[in-house]
Amino acid sequence: MEHTTTVEHRLTDHEKRLQFLEKQDVKKSKQLENIEQSYMKLENTILKENQETRNLFKELTDRQWSLIEGREKAEEAKEIRDYELNASEKKDELEFRKQKFSSYLDLAIKLLTAGGLIYLLIESLLKN
């Protein structure tokens, strides 16, 4: 009888351990399922944040290109204005020189045609 009680005791003990292990297995399965759900949530969050970050970088890059293009256009416009200003100044300077030369030429023609300069020159020579 002693052997049967030991066997029964062992069998009962074994049954208790199996039930405990089954409960533990159910707990572990629930934990694993919770971990998988958490992993999926984390993965979705990371993907969403990654997309937002990419959109932000794309927007910043687009803004930088717009600024660079604007700066280049402004520099081109400045170069055109400077060129036109220099050309205008050179044209004004050339026109001024032409007018000055024309004034001197008119004065010389008037003096020589009127005989005034020649007359003054001859008179001053004769007086000496």
Protein backbone atom coordinates (compact mmCIF):
# COMPACT_ATOMS: atom_id res chain seq x y z
CA MET A 1 0.00 0.00 0.00
CA GLU A 2 2.78 2.25 0.65
CA HIS A 3 3.92 1.91 -2.88
CA THR A 4 0.48 2.82 -4.21
CA THR A 5 0.26 5.91 -2.04
CA THR A 6 3.60 6.98 -3.28
CA VAL A 7 2.56 6.35 -6.84
CA GLU A 8 -0.75 8.12 -6.26
CA HIS A 9 1.05 10.94 -4.53
CA ARG A 10 3.52 11.18 -7.35
CA LEU A 11 0.73 11.05 -9.90
CA THR A 12 -1.18 13.79 -8.10
CA ASP A 13 1.95 15.83 -7.79
CA HIS A 14 2.69 15.27 -11.43
CA GLU A 15 -0.88 16.34 -12.33
CA LYS A 16 -0.50 19.51 -10.27
CA ARG A 17 2.76 20.32 -11.97
CA LEU A 18 1.20 19.76 -15.40
CA GLN A 19 -1.71 22.06 -14.50
CA PHE A 20 0.72 24.65 -13.22
CA LEU A 21 2.78 24.38 -16.40
CA GLU A 22 -0.34 24.69 -18.54
CA LYS A 23 -1.34 27.83 -16.64
CA GLN A 24 2.18 29.16 -17.07
CA ASP A 25 2.00 28.34 -20.78
CA VAL A 26 -1.24 30.30 -21.10
CA LYS A 27 0.34 33.22 -19.24
CA LYS A 28 3.43 33.07 -21.46
CA SER A 29 1.24 32.93 -24.56
CA LYS A 30 -0.65 36.03 -23.40
CA GLN A 31 2.62 37.77 -22.61
CA LEU A 32 3.99 36.84 -26.02
CA GLU A 33 0.82 38.12 -27.68
CA ASN A 34 1.09 41.39 -25.72
CA ILE A 35 4.74 41.72 -26.74
CA GLU A 36 3.81 41.13 -30.39
CA GLN A 37 1.08 43.77 -30.19
CA SER A 38 3.48 46.20 -28.53
CA TYR A 39 6.05 45.46 -31.22
CA MET A 40 3.50 46.16 -33.96
CA LYS A 41 2.50 49.44 -32.27
CA LEU A 42 6.15 50.41 -31.94
CA GLU A 43 6.85 49.50 -35.56
CA ASN A 44 3.86 51.55 -36.74
CA THR A 45 4.96 54.49 -34.61
CA ILE A 46 8.49 54.30 -35.99
CA LEU A 47 7.22 54.12 -39.57
CA LYS A 48 4.91 57.08 -38.99
CA GLU A 49 7.68 59.14 -37.40
CA ASN A 50 10.06 58.16 -40.21
CA GLN A 51 7.56 59.35 -42.81
CA GLU A 52 7.04 62.63 -40.93
CA THR A 53 10.80 63.12 -40.70
CA ARG A 54 11.19 62.46 -44.43
CA ASN A 55 8.42 64.93 -45.20
CA LEU A 56 10.09 67.52 -42.97
CA PHE A 57 13.46 67.05 -44.66
CA LYS A 58 11.83 67.24 -48.09
CA GLU A 59 10.08 70.46 -47.12
CA LEU A 60 13.30 71.95 -45.75
CA THR A 61 15.21 70.93 -48.86
CA ASP A 62 12.55 72.49 -51.08
CA ARG A 63 12.74 75.71 -49.08
CA GLN A 64 16.53 75.77 -49.35
CA TRP A 65 16.36 75.31 -53.10
CA SER A 66 13.81 78.10 -53.34
CA LEU A 67 16.10 80.38 -51.35
CA ILE A 68 19.11 79.43 -53.46
CA GLU A 69 17.19 80.05 -56.69
CA GLY A 70 15.93 83.37 -55.34
CA ARG A 71 19.44 84.40 -54.40
CA GLU A 72 20.77 83.45 -57.83
CA LYS A 73 18.01 85.44 -59.53
CA ALA A 74 18.75 88.44 -57.32
CA GLU A 75 22.47 88.20 -58.15
CA GLU A 76 21.68 88.01 -61.87
CA ALA A 77 19.39 91.03 -61.59
CA LYS A 78 22.12 92.93 -59.71
CA GLU A 79 24.69 92.06 -62.38
CA ILE A 80 22.30 93.25 -65.10
CA ARG A 81 21.63 96.50 -63.22
CA ASP A 82 25.36 97.07 -62.68
CA TYR A 83 26.08 96.38 -66.35
CA GLU A 84 23.32 98.72 -67.49
CA LEU A 85 24.44 101.39 -65.03
CA ASN A 86 28.05 101.14 -66.20
CA ALA A 87 26.95 101.21 -69.84
CA SER A 88 24.78 104.24 -69.13
CA GLU A 89 27.63 106.01 -67.33
CA LYS A 90 30.02 105.28 -70.20
CA LYS A 91 27.44 106.50 -72.70
CA ASP A 92 26.92 109.68 -70.67
CA GLU A 93 30.68 110.22 -70.42
CA LEU A 94 31.11 109.73 -74.18
CA GLU A 95 28.23 112.12 -74.88
CA PHE A 96 29.78 114.68 -72.51
CA ARG A 97 33.12 114.42 -74.33
CA LYS A 98 31.40 114.83 -77.69
CA GLN A 99 29.58 117.94 -76.46
CA LYS A 100 32.76 119.36 -74.97
CA PHE A 101 34.68 118.76 -78.19
CA SER A 102 31.82 120.23 -80.18
CA SER A 103 31.83 123.34 -77.94
CA TYR A 104 35.57 123.84 -78.37
CA LEU A 105 35.28 123.28 -82.10
CA ASP A 106 32.43 125.81 -82.38
CA LEU A 107 34.43 128.36 -80.37
CA ALA A 108 37.52 127.81 -82.52
CA ILE A 109 35.49 128.14 -85.72
CA LYS A 110 33.85 131.33 -84.51
CA LEU A 111 37.13 132.85 -83.48
CA LEU A 112 38.89 131.92 -86.70
CA THR A 113 36.06 132.86 -89.05
CA ALA A 114 35.41 136.20 -87.49
CA GLY A 115 39.02 137.07 -87.83
CA GLY A 116 39.10 138.23 -84.27
CA LEU A 117 41.95 136.07 -83.14
CA ILE A 118 44.02 136.72 -86.22
CA TYR A 119 43.34 140.44 -85.94
CA LEU A 120 44.39 140.46 -82.26
CA LEU A 121 47.51 138.50 -83.10
CA ILE A 122 48.50 140.83 -85.92
CA GLU A 123 47.78 143.90 -83.87
CA SER A 124 49.87 142.67 -80.96
CA LEU A 125 52.74 141.90 -83.36
CA LEU A 126 52.58 145.30 -84.94
CA LYS A 127 52.61 147.14 -81.66
CA ASN A 128 55.81 145.47 -80.61
